[in-house]
Protein backbone atom coordinates (compact mmCIF):
# COMPACT_ATOMS: atom_id res chain seq x y z
CA UNK A 1 -14.73 4.69 -29.83
CA UNK A 2 -16.60 2.48 -27.20
CA UNK A 3 -20.28 3.67 -27.36
CA UNK A 4 -21.01 4.37 -24.05
CA UNK A 5 -22.59 2.24 -22.15
CA UNK A 6 -25.10 4.64 -20.57
CA UNK A 7 -27.12 7.19 -21.88
CA UNK A 8 -30.10 9.58 -20.52
CA UNK A 9 -33.36 10.38 -22.98
CA UNK A 10 -36.17 12.43 -22.86
CA UNK A 11 -39.09 9.76 -24.53
CA UNK A 12 -42.94 9.05 -24.88
CA UNK A 13 -44.15 5.14 -23.41
CA UNK A 14 -45.89 4.00 -26.67
CA UNK A 15 -46.76 0.41 -25.82
CA UNK A 16 -45.76 -1.79 -22.62
CA UNK A 17 -45.77 -4.95 -22.51
CA UNK A 18 -45.75 -7.13 -19.20
CA UNK A 19 -42.53 -9.41 -19.10
CA UNK A 20 -42.30 -12.10 -16.16
CA UNK A 21 -43.56 -11.66 -12.74
CA UNK A 22 -42.52 -7.98 -12.43
CA UNK A 23 -40.82 -6.37 -15.45
CA UNK A 24 -42.15 -4.59 -18.77
CA UNK A 25 -41.37 -4.13 -22.10
CA UNK A 26 -41.69 -0.69 -23.06
CA UNK A 27 -41.44 1.05 -26.76
CA UNK A 28 -40.17 4.27 -26.28
CA UNK A 29 -40.09 7.10 -28.38
CA UNK A 30 -37.02 9.36 -27.81
CA UNK A 31 -36.08 12.76 -28.60
CA UNK A 32 -32.14 11.52 -29.88
CA UNK A 33 -32.75 8.10 -30.56
CA UNK A 34 -35.95 7.70 -32.03
CA UNK A 35 -37.63 4.48 -30.85
CA UNK A 36 -36.33 2.38 -29.39
CA UNK A 37 -37.62 -1.53 -26.85
CA UNK A 38 -36.18 -1.64 -23.24
CA UNK A 39 -36.83 -3.54 -20.59
CA UNK A 40 -37.93 -2.20 -17.50
CA UNK A 41 -36.91 -4.51 -14.57
CA UNK A 42 -39.05 -4.40 -11.24
CA UNK A 43 -41.21 -1.67 -12.96
CA UNK A 44 -44.48 -3.86 -11.36
CA UNK A 45 -43.67 -3.90 -7.60
CA UNK A 46 -45.79 -2.26 -5.86
CA UNK A 47 -42.48 -0.39 -4.06
CA UNK A 48 -40.97 0.33 -7.75
CA UNK A 49 -39.84 4.56 -7.73
CA UNK A 50 -40.61 3.89 -11.63
CA UNK A 51 -43.84 2.21 -11.88
CA UNK A 52 -45.78 5.42 -12.43
CA UNK A 53 -43.43 7.58 -14.25
CA UNK A 54 -43.44 5.00 -16.89
CA UNK A 55 -47.04 4.05 -17.70
CA UNK A 56 -48.49 3.62 -21.46
CA UNK A 57 -48.41 7.83 -22.54
CA UNK A 58 -45.95 9.05 -19.98
CA UNK A 59 -43.56 11.82 -20.69
CA UNK A 60 -40.37 11.20 -18.87
CA UNK A 61 -36.21 11.31 -18.97
CA UNK A 62 -34.90 7.54 -18.25
CA UNK A 63 -31.63 6.64 -17.92
CA UNK A 64 -30.54 3.74 -20.32
CA UNK A 65 -27.91 1.20 -19.75
CA UNK A 66 -27.58 -0.38 -23.65
CA UNK A 67 -28.13 -4.50 -23.87
CA UNK A 68 -27.08 -6.49 -26.29
CA UNK A 69 -30.77 -6.89 -28.21
CA UNK A 70 -32.98 -4.34 -25.24
CA UNK A 71 -32.17 -1.34 -23.68
CA UNK A 72 -32.39 -1.94 -19.97
CA UNK A 73 -34.32 1.03 -17.73
CA UNK A 74 -32.96 1.46 -14.83
CA UNK A 75 -34.27 5.11 -13.57
CA UNK A 76 -36.94 7.28 -14.93
CA UNK A 77 -38.46 10.34 -13.91
CA UNK A 78 -41.68 11.66 -14.96
CA UNK A 79 -41.82 15.38 -16.99
CA UNK A 80 -45.82 15.83 -17.47
CA UNK A 81 -48.76 13.72 -16.29
CA UNK A 82 -51.77 14.14 -18.25
CA UNK A 83 -53.54 13.90 -15.39
CA UNK A 84 -57.27 14.74 -18.59
CA UNK A 85 -56.19 11.80 -20.24
CA UNK A 86 -56.16 9.50 -16.80
CA UNK A 87 -59.79 10.85 -16.10
CA UNK A 88 -61.54 11.19 -19.38
CA UNK A 89 -61.67 8.20 -21.83
CA UNK A 90 -62.35 10.09 -24.64
CA UNK A 91 -59.15 12.05 -24.84
CA UNK A 92 -57.33 9.05 -23.40
CA UNK A 93 -58.31 6.83 -26.97
CA UNK A 94 -57.53 9.47 -28.78
CA UNK A 95 -54.30 9.88 -27.24
CA UNK A 96 -53.99 6.29 -27.49
CA UNK A 97 -54.41 6.08 -31.42
CA UNK A 98 -51.47 8.72 -31.64
CA UNK A 99 -49.23 6.62 -30.05
CA UNK A 100 -50.38 3.97 -31.97
CA UNK A 101 -49.58 5.81 -35.45
CA UNK A 102 -45.88 7.37 -33.78
CA UNK A 103 -45.58 3.42 -32.82
CA UNK A 104 -46.65 2.37 -37.01
CA UNK A 105 -45.47 5.10 -38.88
CA UNK A 106 -41.79 4.55 -37.61
CA UNK A 107 -38.63 2.69 -37.63
CA UNK A 108 -36.09 1.19 -34.07
CA UNK A 109 -33.40 3.49 -33.94
CA UNK A 110 -34.36 6.52 -37.03
CA UNK A 111 -34.36 8.93 -35.12
CA UNK A 112 -36.83 12.38 -35.90
CA UNK A 113 -36.74 14.96 -33.27
CA UNK A 114 -39.30 17.22 -34.83
CA UNK A 115 -42.02 14.00 -34.49
CA UNK A 116 -40.90 13.93 -30.78
CA UNK A 117 -41.65 17.54 -30.66
CA UNK A 118 -45.05 17.43 -31.97
CA UNK A 119 -46.07 14.35 -30.05
CA UNK A 120 -45.79 15.73 -26.53
CA UNK A 121 -47.32 18.76 -28.35
CA UNK A 122 -50.32 16.64 -29.24
CA UNK A 123 -50.86 14.99 -26.49
CA UNK A 124 -50.38 18.48 -23.89
CA UNK A 125 -53.39 19.96 -26.50
CA UNK A 126 -55.30 16.28 -26.08
CA UNK A 127 -55.30 16.53 -22.50
CA UNK A 128 -56.08 20.40 -21.93
CA UNK A 129 -57.96 21.59 -25.74
CA UNK A 130 -61.57 22.32 -25.62
CA UNK A 131 -61.30 20.69 -28.39
CA UNK A 132 -58.87 17.42 -28.81
CA UNK A 133 -60.45 16.15 -31.99
CA UNK A 134 -59.41 18.83 -33.83
CA UNK A 135 -55.80 18.13 -32.11
CA UNK A 136 -55.40 15.01 -33.26
CA UNK A 137 -56.70 15.53 -36.63
CA UNK A 138 -53.12 17.92 -36.91
CA UNK A 139 -51.67 15.65 -35.17
CA UNK A 140 -52.23 13.12 -38.15
CA UNK A 141 -51.35 15.54 -40.94
CA UNK A 142 -47.97 15.96 -39.31
CA UNK A 143 -47.02 13.08 -38.49
CA UNK A 144 -47.71 11.93 -42.41
CA UNK A 145 -45.59 14.57 -42.96
CA UNK A 146 -42.72 14.30 -41.06
CA UNK A 147 -43.00 10.68 -41.85
CA UNK A 148 -42.82 11.33 -46.32
CA UNK A 149 -46.77 10.63 -46.85
CA UNK A 150 -48.02 14.25 -47.18
CA UNK A 151 -51.13 13.97 -49.06
CA UNK A 152 -51.67 16.60 -51.42
CA UNK A 153 -55.06 18.67 -51.27
CA UNK A 154 -53.91 21.78 -53.58
CA UNK A 155 -53.92 20.22 -56.95
CA UNK A 156 -55.53 17.16 -58.99
CA UNK A 157 -52.74 14.57 -58.12
CA UNK A 158 -54.01 12.85 -61.84
CA UNK A 159 -54.20 16.10 -63.62
CA UNK A 160 -52.60 18.26 -61.65
CA UNK A 161 -54.43 20.96 -62.27
CA UNK A 162 -55.23 23.82 -58.80
CA UNK A 163 -58.57 22.95 -57.05
CA UNK A 164 -60.88 25.01 -57.02
CA UNK A 165 -64.57 25.33 -54.91
CA UNK A 166 -66.95 22.52 -55.99
CA UNK A 167 -67.42 18.56 -56.35
CA UNK A 168 -64.21 17.62 -55.21
CA UNK A 169 -63.33 13.64 -54.88
CA UNK A 170 -60.54 12.60 -52.48
CA UNK A 171 -58.88 9.02 -53.12
CA UNK A 172 -56.62 7.40 -50.24
CA UNK A 173 -55.00 5.31 -52.62
CA UNK A 174 -54.03 8.04 -55.01
CA UNK A 175 -52.59 9.97 -51.85
CA UNK A 176 -55.15 13.59 -51.98
CA UNK A 177 -57.55 14.83 -54.14
CA UNK A 178 -59.25 15.04 -57.35
CA UNK A 179 -60.62 17.45 -59.94
CA UNK A 180 -64.46 17.61 -60.86
CA UNK A 181 -63.40 16.09 -64.26
CA UNK A 182 -60.28 13.07 -62.58
CA UNK A 183 -62.73 12.17 -59.09
CA UNK A 184 -65.26 10.29 -61.41
CA UNK A 185 -63.13 8.71 -63.35
CA UNK A 186 -61.70 6.48 -60.59
CA UNK A 187 -63.96 4.41 -58.83
CA UNK A 188 -61.54 4.57 -54.95
CA UNK A 189 -62.16 8.11 -55.50
CA UNK A 190 -65.78 9.54 -53.30
CA UNK A 191 -66.58 12.63 -52.60
CA UNK A 192 -65.64 15.67 -50.30
CA UNK A 193 -67.52 18.90 -49.32
CA UNK A 194 -65.62 21.83 -50.12
CA UNK A 195 -65.61 22.63 -46.12
CA UNK A 196 -64.20 19.33 -45.54
CA UNK A 197 -61.01 19.85 -48.03
CA UNK A 198 -60.17 23.52 -46.60
CA UNK A 199 -60.26 22.63 -43.56
CA UNK A 200 -57.65 20.20 -44.62
CA UNK A 201 -55.53 22.50 -46.83
CA UNK A 202 -55.92 24.89 -43.83
CA UNK A 203 -54.56 22.52 -41.53
CA UNK A 204 -51.75 21.90 -43.73
CA UNK A 205 -50.65 25.57 -44.14
CA UNK A 206 -51.58 27.61 -41.29
CA UNK A 207 -50.77 24.18 -39.25
CA UNK A 208 -51.77 24.76 -34.88
CA UNK A 209 -53.34 28.50 -35.74
CA UNK A 210 -56.24 26.59 -36.69
CA UNK A 211 -57.42 24.89 -33.35
CA UNK A 212 -58.49 28.42 -32.62
CA UNK A 213 -61.01 28.50 -34.95
CA UNK A 214 -64.42 27.13 -34.97
CA UNK A 215 -65.49 24.09 -37.04
CA UNK A 216 -68.86 22.14 -37.24
CA UNK A 217 -68.83 19.16 -35.59
CA UNK A 218 -69.50 16.89 -39.54
CA UNK A 219 -66.97 18.83 -40.64
CA UNK A 220 -64.64 17.26 -38.41
CA UNK A 221 -66.00 13.75 -38.49
CA UNK A 222 -65.64 14.04 -42.94
CA UNK A 223 -62.13 15.15 -42.41
CA UNK A 224 -61.49 12.46 -39.82
CA UNK A 225 -63.04 10.31 -42.30
CA UNK A 226 -60.95 11.24 -45.33
CA UNK A 227 -57.87 11.30 -43.21
CA UNK A 228 -58.40 7.66 -41.30
CA UNK A 229 -59.34 5.82 -44.88
CA UNK A 230 -55.17 7.35 -45.88
CA UNK A 231 -53.66 6.28 -42.81
CA UNK A 232 -55.26 2.84 -42.94
CA UNK A 233 -54.16 2.57 -47.03
CA UNK A 234 -50.70 3.87 -45.92
CA UNK A 235 -50.62 0.84 -43.07
CA UNK A 236 -52.47 -1.43 -44.85
CA UNK A 237 -54.26 -2.45 -42.12
CA UNK A 238 -56.80 -0.51 -40.15
CA UNK A 239 -55.10 0.79 -36.62
CA UNK A 240 -55.97 -1.12 -33.46
CA UNK A 241 -56.70 1.90 -31.54
CA UNK A 242 -59.13 2.95 -33.91
CA UNK A 243 -61.48 0.75 -33.03
CA UNK A 244 -61.58 1.78 -29.46
CA UNK A 245 -61.71 5.36 -30.63
CA UNK A 246 -65.35 4.72 -32.78
CA UNK A 247 -66.52 2.97 -29.21
CA UNK A 248 -65.68 5.32 -27.71
CA UNK A 249 -66.72 8.33 -29.57
CA UNK A 250 -70.23 6.50 -30.08
CA UNK A 251 -71.09 5.95 -25.90
CA UNK A 252 -70.32 9.40 -26.04
CA UNK A 253 -72.74 10.30 -28.28
CA UNK A 254 -75.54 8.79 -27.88
CA UNK A 255 -78.45 9.84 -25.37
CA UNK A 256 -78.04 9.86 -21.79
């Protein structure tokens, strides 16, 4: 059967690169088609009706014409503008990190509707939540699970004993937590506090209900450090947007 030449898709714009004088090459994450590359012709013209709907981080519906090498975007309509992501540098940096993780952890044309929905919901949370840091931590764990890299926080990754509160360790290269007996035997392991480990476990098992639970910034920072190390190990390099996020955090934390 001949494949339809056009299709309508719900997308999030992960990346955009200027192409020629007026076009852009977009990396789109779609609800039913996974990650696709598309050219948006004329989108950089001042008169373009699509321009504002296809910016980085945009959630939109588009009409795609299927080309030989790239899809062609012929229509675009915004679904959610995420206004605070445009106004708040800290929120924008977190959103950039989220979409880069999706880009790096996914292959072209490999549908994952659950990941798409998690991404959209995360952008909404980062845009609206009082504590967007927690939304980003939850998203990182959800993405890892949906990508087949769910870390182990309930049993020691070496001896399989159930983890109890105490002097536990975490090792990115081993994929999770180590007990007080195994941790000291691994040079790559580093200590993790009981509150940080508890938060990681609760994020895995209780999900978004944890977003309303008060958590100290020191614990959030420790969890973020552990997850960042695991992401960097899996990708074999640090995400580019992580440096931007670190810079924004340092500026936000500096004295007035």
